[in-house]
């Protein structure tokens, strides 16, 4: 019998963690992936979709689809960046307000996850991200 697949075990843990964050953020109408995108846009705006994808380790087409959903929700505006050929994302007023409403919910969930995992396991997450 072969050992359990490390990738599958990590994906299951990630789905469970994502569900906890999504539940915490549900009152704002966004999920944790959208929260992460909104926060990254806010910090870099206007930011090209290519750069946004690089920052969040997503390919350009996936990032484009995700940002267009946020645009349809009225949270993000797409325009042209420094390179006129590239779309650039910025938060709308509604996007900023949604992010502000989500931040304390995210922080509470983050604190809870920190307690559940403990400092040693959190350090392992950082190490894993540096290795891969």
N, C-alpha and C. Protein backbone atom coordinates (compact mmCIF):
# COMPACT_ATOMS: atom_id res chain seq x y z
N UNK A 1 0.85 -1.19 0.00
CA UNK A 1 0.00 0.00 0.00
C UNK A 1 0.90 1.24 0.00
N UNK A 2 0.60 2.18 -0.86
CA UNK A 2 1.43 3.37 -0.95
C UNK A 2 1.02 4.38 0.12
N UNK A 3 1.96 5.26 0.50
CA UNK A 3 1.65 6.26 1.53
C UNK A 3 0.66 7.29 1.00
N UNK A 4 -0.03 8.00 1.90
CA UNK A 4 -0.97 9.04 1.45
C UNK A 4 -0.23 10.11 0.63
N UNK A 5 -0.90 10.63 -0.35
CA UNK A 5 -0.32 11.66 -1.22
C UNK A 5 -0.21 12.98 -0.45
N UNK A 6 0.98 13.53 -0.38
CA UNK A 6 1.20 14.79 0.34
C UNK A 6 0.35 15.91 -0.27
N UNK A 7 0.30 15.94 -1.59
CA UNK A 7 -0.45 17.00 -2.27
C UNK A 7 -1.94 16.91 -1.92
N UNK A 8 -2.49 15.71 -1.95
CA UNK A 8 -3.90 15.54 -1.63
C UNK A 8 -4.18 15.93 -0.19
N UNK A 9 -3.33 15.54 0.72
CA UNK A 9 -3.52 15.90 2.12
C UNK A 9 -3.47 17.41 2.31
N UNK A 10 -2.55 18.07 1.63
CA UNK A 10 -2.46 19.53 1.73
C UNK A 10 -3.67 20.20 1.11
N UNK A 11 -4.16 19.67 -0.02
CA UNK A 11 -5.34 20.25 -0.67
C UNK A 11 -6.57 20.11 0.22
N UNK A 12 -6.72 18.99 0.90
CA UNK A 12 -7.85 18.80 1.82
C UNK A 12 -7.77 19.81 2.96
N UNK A 13 -6.59 19.96 3.54
CA UNK A 13 -6.41 20.92 4.64
C UNK A 13 -6.69 22.34 4.15
N UNK A 14 -6.25 22.66 2.95
CA UNK A 14 -6.48 23.98 2.39
C UNK A 14 -7.96 24.23 2.17
N UNK A 15 -8.68 23.25 1.67
CA UNK A 15 -10.13 23.41 1.46
C UNK A 15 -10.84 23.64 2.79
N UNK A 16 -10.42 22.92 3.83
CA UNK A 16 -11.04 23.10 5.15
C UNK A 16 -10.76 24.51 5.69
N UNK A 17 -9.52 24.96 5.55
CA UNK A 17 -9.17 26.29 6.03
C UNK A 17 -9.90 27.36 5.24
N UNK A 18 -9.97 27.19 3.93
CA UNK A 18 -10.67 28.13 3.08
C UNK A 18 -12.14 28.23 3.49
N UNK A 19 -12.76 27.10 3.80
CA UNK A 19 -14.17 27.09 4.21
C UNK A 19 -14.37 27.90 5.49
N UNK A 20 -13.43 27.82 6.42
CA UNK A 20 -13.54 28.59 7.66
C UNK A 20 -13.47 30.10 7.37
N UNK A 21 -12.53 30.51 6.54
CA UNK A 21 -12.41 31.92 6.17
C UNK A 21 -13.64 32.38 5.38
N UNK A 22 -14.10 31.55 4.44
CA UNK A 22 -15.27 31.92 3.65
C UNK A 22 -16.50 32.12 4.53
N UNK A 23 -16.67 31.25 5.51
CA UNK A 23 -17.80 31.39 6.44
C UNK A 23 -17.68 32.68 7.22
N UNK A 24 -16.48 33.00 7.68
CA UNK A 24 -16.28 34.23 8.44
C UNK A 24 -16.58 35.47 7.60
N UNK A 25 -16.22 35.44 6.32
CA UNK A 25 -16.39 36.60 5.44
C UNK A 25 -17.77 36.66 4.78
N UNK A 26 -18.57 35.61 4.90
CA UNK A 26 -19.87 35.53 4.22
C UNK A 26 -20.76 36.76 4.41
N UNK A 27 -20.80 37.38 5.61
CA UNK A 27 -21.67 38.55 5.75
C UNK A 27 -21.32 39.71 4.80
N UNK A 28 -20.11 39.74 4.28
CA UNK A 28 -19.70 40.84 3.39
C UNK A 28 -19.98 40.52 1.91
N UNK A 29 -20.35 39.27 1.63
CA UNK A 29 -20.64 38.90 0.25
C UNK A 29 -19.42 38.51 -0.57
N UNK A 30 -18.26 38.39 0.08
CA UNK A 30 -17.06 37.96 -0.63
C UNK A 30 -16.47 36.74 0.07
N UNK A 31 -15.63 36.02 -0.64
CA UNK A 31 -14.92 34.89 -0.04
C UNK A 31 -13.46 35.27 0.19
N UNK A 32 -12.70 34.36 0.76
CA UNK A 32 -11.31 34.69 1.13
C UNK A 32 -10.44 34.93 -0.10
N UNK A 33 -10.71 34.24 -1.20
CA UNK A 33 -9.93 34.49 -2.42
C UNK A 33 -10.20 35.91 -2.93
N UNK A 34 -11.45 36.32 -2.90
CA UNK A 34 -11.80 37.68 -3.33
C UNK A 34 -11.22 38.71 -2.36
N UNK A 35 -11.25 38.41 -1.08
CA UNK A 35 -10.65 39.30 -0.08
C UNK A 35 -9.18 39.52 -0.40
N UNK A 36 -8.49 38.45 -0.69
CA UNK A 36 -7.06 38.54 -1.00
C UNK A 36 -6.81 39.38 -2.25
N UNK A 37 -7.64 39.20 -3.26
CA UNK A 37 -7.49 39.99 -4.48
C UNK A 37 -7.75 41.46 -4.19
N UNK A 38 -8.84 41.76 -3.47
CA UNK A 38 -9.17 43.15 -3.16
C UNK A 38 -8.06 43.81 -2.36
N UNK A 39 -7.53 43.08 -1.38
CA UNK A 39 -6.46 43.65 -0.55
C UNK A 39 -5.21 43.92 -1.36
N UNK A 40 -4.89 43.02 -2.26
CA UNK A 40 -3.70 43.21 -3.10
C UNK A 40 -3.90 44.37 -4.07
N UNK A 41 -5.09 44.48 -4.64
CA UNK A 41 -5.38 45.61 -5.52
C UNK A 41 -5.23 46.91 -4.75
N UNK A 42 -5.81 46.96 -3.55
CA UNK A 42 -5.75 48.19 -2.77
C UNK A 42 -4.30 48.62 -2.52
N UNK A 43 -3.44 47.68 -2.24
CA UNK A 43 -2.04 48.00 -1.93
C UNK A 43 -1.24 48.44 -3.15
N UNK A 44 -1.66 48.04 -4.35
CA UNK A 44 -0.86 48.29 -5.56
C UNK A 44 -1.57 49.13 -6.61
N UNK A 45 -2.79 49.56 -6.35
CA UNK A 45 -3.62 50.15 -7.41
C UNK A 45 -3.04 51.42 -8.01
N UNK A 46 -3.27 51.59 -9.30
CA UNK A 46 -3.82 50.59 -10.21
C UNK A 46 -2.76 49.52 -10.49
N UNK A 47 -3.21 48.29 -10.58
CA UNK A 47 -2.29 47.18 -10.79
C UNK A 47 -2.74 46.38 -12.01
N UNK A 48 -1.78 46.03 -12.86
CA UNK A 48 -2.12 45.25 -14.05
C UNK A 48 -2.55 43.85 -13.63
N UNK A 49 -3.36 43.22 -14.45
CA UNK A 49 -3.81 41.87 -14.15
C UNK A 49 -2.64 40.89 -14.16
N UNK A 50 -1.67 41.14 -15.01
CA UNK A 50 -0.48 40.28 -15.05
C UNK A 50 0.28 40.37 -13.73
N UNK A 51 0.49 41.59 -13.25
CA UNK A 51 1.19 41.79 -11.98
C UNK A 51 0.38 41.23 -10.82
N UNK A 52 -0.91 41.43 -10.84
CA UNK A 52 -1.79 40.90 -9.80
C UNK A 52 -1.69 39.37 -9.75
N UNK A 53 -1.71 38.75 -10.91
CA UNK A 53 -1.55 37.30 -10.99
C UNK A 53 -0.21 36.85 -10.44
N UNK A 54 0.84 37.59 -10.77
CA UNK A 54 2.18 37.24 -10.26
C UNK A 54 2.20 37.34 -8.73
N UNK A 55 1.62 38.40 -8.20
CA UNK A 55 1.64 38.61 -6.75
C UNK A 55 0.85 37.53 -6.00
N UNK A 56 -0.19 37.00 -6.63
CA UNK A 56 -1.05 36.02 -5.98
C UNK A 56 -0.83 34.60 -6.49
N UNK A 57 0.21 34.41 -7.30
CA UNK A 57 0.57 33.10 -7.84
C UNK A 57 -0.57 32.45 -8.62
N UNK A 58 -1.22 33.27 -9.47
CA UNK A 58 -2.27 32.77 -10.36
C UNK A 58 -1.91 33.16 -11.79
N UNK A 59 -2.29 32.31 -12.75
CA UNK A 59 -1.99 32.67 -14.13
C UNK A 59 -2.90 33.82 -14.57
N UNK A 60 -2.50 34.48 -15.61
CA UNK A 60 -3.16 35.70 -16.09
C UNK A 60 -4.62 35.46 -16.42
N UNK A 61 -4.95 34.35 -17.07
CA UNK A 61 -6.35 34.11 -17.47
C UNK A 61 -7.24 33.86 -16.25
N UNK A 62 -6.73 33.13 -15.26
CA UNK A 62 -7.48 32.90 -14.03
C UNK A 62 -7.71 34.22 -13.30
N UNK A 63 -6.67 35.04 -13.24
CA UNK A 63 -6.80 36.33 -12.58
C UNK A 63 -7.82 37.20 -13.30
N UNK A 64 -7.79 37.19 -14.61
CA UNK A 64 -8.75 37.97 -15.39
C UNK A 64 -10.18 37.56 -15.09
N UNK A 65 -10.44 36.27 -15.03
CA UNK A 65 -11.80 35.79 -14.71
C UNK A 65 -12.21 36.23 -13.31
N UNK A 66 -11.31 36.08 -12.35
CA UNK A 66 -11.63 36.45 -10.97
C UNK A 66 -11.90 37.95 -10.82
N UNK A 67 -11.11 38.76 -11.49
CA UNK A 67 -11.28 40.21 -11.39
C UNK A 67 -12.56 40.64 -12.10
N UNK A 68 -12.91 39.98 -13.17
CA UNK A 68 -14.15 40.35 -13.86
C UNK A 68 -15.38 40.05 -13.00
N UNK A 69 -15.34 39.02 -12.20
CA UNK A 69 -16.42 38.75 -11.24
C UNK A 69 -16.53 39.91 -10.25
N UNK A 70 -15.39 40.35 -9.74
CA UNK A 70 -15.38 41.48 -8.80
C UNK A 70 -15.85 42.76 -9.48
N UNK A 71 -15.53 42.91 -10.75
CA UNK A 71 -16.00 44.07 -11.51
C UNK A 71 -17.53 44.03 -11.63
N UNK A 72 -18.09 42.87 -11.93
CA UNK A 72 -19.55 42.73 -12.05
C UNK A 72 -20.25 43.00 -10.72
N UNK A 73 -19.56 42.73 -9.62
CA UNK A 73 -20.11 43.01 -8.30
C UNK A 73 -19.98 44.48 -7.92
N UNK A 74 -19.29 45.24 -8.76
CA UNK A 74 -19.09 46.66 -8.50
C UNK A 74 -17.99 46.96 -7.51
N UNK A 75 -17.10 45.99 -7.27
CA UNK A 75 -16.03 46.16 -6.29
C UNK A 75 -14.72 46.62 -6.91
N UNK A 76 -14.56 46.37 -8.20
CA UNK A 76 -13.31 46.69 -8.90
C UNK A 76 -13.66 47.39 -10.21
N UNK A 77 -12.84 48.35 -10.57
CA UNK A 77 -12.94 49.02 -11.87
C UNK A 77 -11.72 48.64 -12.69
N UNK A 78 -11.94 48.33 -13.95
CA UNK A 78 -10.84 48.01 -14.85
C UNK A 78 -10.61 49.19 -15.78
N UNK A 79 -9.37 49.54 -15.94
CA UNK A 79 -8.98 50.61 -16.85
C UNK A 79 -7.69 50.20 -17.54
N UNK A 80 -6.98 51.15 -18.06
CA UNK A 80 -5.69 50.90 -18.71
C UNK A 80 -4.58 51.30 -17.77
N UNK A 81 -3.54 50.49 -17.74
CA UNK A 81 -2.38 50.77 -16.90
C UNK A 81 -1.35 51.60 -17.63
N UNK A 82 -0.14 51.58 -17.11
CA UNK A 82 0.96 52.33 -17.73
C UNK A 82 1.18 51.87 -19.16
N UNK A 83 1.13 50.56 -19.35
CA UNK A 83 1.19 49.99 -20.68
C UNK A 83 -0.27 49.93 -21.17
N UNK A 84 -0.60 50.72 -22.15
CA UNK A 84 -2.00 50.84 -22.61
C UNK A 84 -2.59 49.53 -23.11
N UNK A 85 -1.74 48.55 -23.37
CA UNK A 85 -2.24 47.26 -23.84
C UNK A 85 -2.74 46.40 -22.69
N UNK A 86 -2.41 46.75 -21.48
CA UNK A 86 -2.70 45.93 -20.31
C UNK A 86 -3.82 46.54 -19.48
N UNK A 87 -4.78 45.70 -19.08
CA UNK A 87 -5.84 46.14 -18.18
C UNK A 87 -5.26 46.29 -16.77
N UNK A 88 -5.74 47.31 -16.07
CA UNK A 88 -5.31 47.57 -14.70
C UNK A 88 -6.54 47.67 -13.81
N UNK A 89 -6.42 47.14 -12.61
CA UNK A 89 -7.54 47.10 -11.67
C UNK A 89 -7.33 48.10 -10.54
N UNK A 90 -8.44 48.73 -10.14
CA UNK A 90 -8.49 49.60 -8.98
C UNK A 90 -9.78 49.30 -8.23
N UNK A 91 -9.78 49.59 -6.93
CA UNK A 91 -11.00 49.40 -6.15
C UNK A 91 -11.97 50.54 -6.40
N UNK A 92 -13.23 50.21 -6.41
CA UNK A 92 -14.29 51.22 -6.43
C UNK A 92 -14.55 51.63 -4.97
N UNK A 93 -15.39 52.62 -4.77
CA UNK A 93 -15.78 52.99 -3.40
C UNK A 93 -16.45 51.82 -2.70
N UNK A 94 -17.30 51.10 -3.44
CA UNK A 94 -17.96 49.93 -2.88
C UNK A 94 -16.94 48.85 -2.53
N UNK A 95 -15.94 48.69 -3.38
CA UNK A 95 -14.89 47.72 -3.10
C UNK A 95 -14.12 48.06 -1.84
N UNK A 96 -13.81 49.34 -1.68
CA UNK A 96 -13.10 49.79 -0.48
C UNK A 96 -13.96 49.57 0.76
N UNK A 97 -15.24 49.90 0.67
CA UNK A 97 -16.15 49.72 1.81
C UNK A 97 -16.30 48.24 2.16
N UNK A 98 -16.39 47.40 1.15
CA UNK A 98 -16.50 45.96 1.39
C UNK A 98 -15.24 45.43 2.06
N UNK A 99 -14.10 45.88 1.59
CA UNK A 99 -12.83 45.47 2.19
C UNK A 99 -12.75 45.90 3.64
N UNK A 100 -13.15 47.15 3.93
CA UNK A 100 -13.13 47.64 5.32
C UNK A 100 -14.05 46.80 6.21
N UNK A 101 -15.23 46.41 5.69
CA UNK A 101 -16.16 45.59 6.46
C UNK A 101 -15.62 44.18 6.67
N UNK A 102 -14.87 43.68 5.70
CA UNK A 102 -14.34 42.31 5.77
C UNK A 102 -13.12 42.19 6.68
N UNK A 103 -12.35 43.26 6.79
CA UNK A 103 -11.08 43.18 7.53
C UNK A 103 -11.21 42.68 8.97
N UNK A 104 -12.14 43.19 9.80
CA UNK A 104 -12.23 42.67 11.16
C UNK A 104 -12.69 41.22 11.20
N UNK A 105 -13.52 40.81 10.25
CA UNK A 105 -13.96 39.41 10.18
C UNK A 105 -12.77 38.51 9.84
N UNK A 106 -11.98 38.96 8.87
CA UNK A 106 -10.78 38.22 8.48
C UNK A 106 -9.80 38.14 9.67
N UNK A 107 -9.61 39.26 10.36
CA UNK A 107 -8.67 39.29 11.49
C UNK A 107 -9.10 38.33 12.59
N UNK A 108 -10.40 38.26 12.88
CA UNK A 108 -10.90 37.32 13.88
C UNK A 108 -10.63 35.88 13.45
N UNK A 109 -10.87 35.59 12.18
CA UNK A 109 -10.62 34.24 11.66
C UNK A 109 -9.12 33.94 11.68
N UNK A 110 -8.33 34.91 11.32
CA UNK A 110 -6.87 34.77 11.31
C UNK A 110 -6.37 34.44 12.72
N UNK A 111 -6.90 35.15 13.71
CA UNK A 111 -6.51 34.90 15.11
C UNK A 111 -6.90 33.49 15.53
N UNK A 112 -8.12 33.09 15.15
CA UNK A 112 -8.60 31.74 15.47
C UNK A 112 -7.71 30.68 14.82
N UNK A 113 -7.36 30.89 13.55
CA UNK A 113 -6.48 29.92 12.86
C UNK A 113 -5.10 29.89 13.52
N UNK A 114 -4.60 31.02 13.95
CA UNK A 114 -3.32 31.07 14.64
C UNK A 114 -3.36 30.25 15.92
N UNK A 115 -4.46 30.36 16.65
CA UNK A 115 -4.61 29.57 17.88
C UNK A 115 -4.68 28.08 17.56
N UNK A 116 -5.46 27.74 16.54
CA UNK A 116 -5.62 26.33 16.17
C UNK A 116 -4.30 25.69 15.72
N UNK A 117 -3.56 26.44 14.92
CA UNK A 117 -2.34 25.88 14.34
C UNK A 117 -1.13 26.01 15.26
N UNK A 118 -1.03 27.11 15.97
CA UNK A 118 0.12 27.34 16.82
C UNK A 118 1.30 27.89 16.03
N UNK A 119 2.22 28.49 16.75
CA UNK A 119 3.36 29.18 16.13
C UNK A 119 4.23 28.25 15.31
N UNK A 120 4.44 27.04 15.79
CA UNK A 120 5.33 26.11 15.08
C UNK A 120 4.76 25.71 13.72
N UNK A 121 3.48 25.40 13.66
CA UNK A 121 2.86 25.02 12.38
C UNK A 121 2.78 26.23 11.44
N UNK A 122 2.51 27.41 11.99
CA UNK A 122 2.50 28.61 11.15
C UNK A 122 3.87 28.85 10.53
N UNK A 123 4.91 28.62 11.30
CA UNK A 123 6.27 28.76 10.78
C UNK A 123 6.52 27.75 9.65
N UNK A 124 5.96 26.56 9.78
CA UNK A 124 6.09 25.56 8.72
C UNK A 124 5.41 26.01 7.44
N UNK A 125 4.27 26.70 7.56
CA UNK A 125 3.61 27.24 6.37
C UNK A 125 4.52 28.23 5.65
N UNK A 126 5.16 29.10 6.42
CA UNK A 126 6.10 30.06 5.83
C UNK A 126 7.25 29.33 5.14
N UNK A 127 7.77 28.32 5.78
CA UNK A 127 8.88 27.56 5.20
C UNK A 127 8.44 26.86 3.91
N UNK A 128 7.24 26.31 3.93
CA UNK A 128 6.74 25.64 2.74
C UNK A 128 6.64 26.60 1.57
N UNK A 129 6.12 27.79 1.80
CA UNK A 129 6.02 28.79 0.74
C UNK A 129 7.36 29.22 0.22
N UNK A 130 8.37 29.25 1.06
CA UNK A 130 9.71 29.62 0.63
C UNK A 130 10.36 28.51 -0.18
N UNK A 131 10.05 27.27 0.15
CA UNK A 131 10.64 26.13 -0.55
C UNK A 131 10.08 25.93 -1.95
N UNK A 132 8.80 26.23 -2.13
CA UNK A 132 8.14 25.93 -3.40
C UNK A 132 8.16 27.07 -4.37
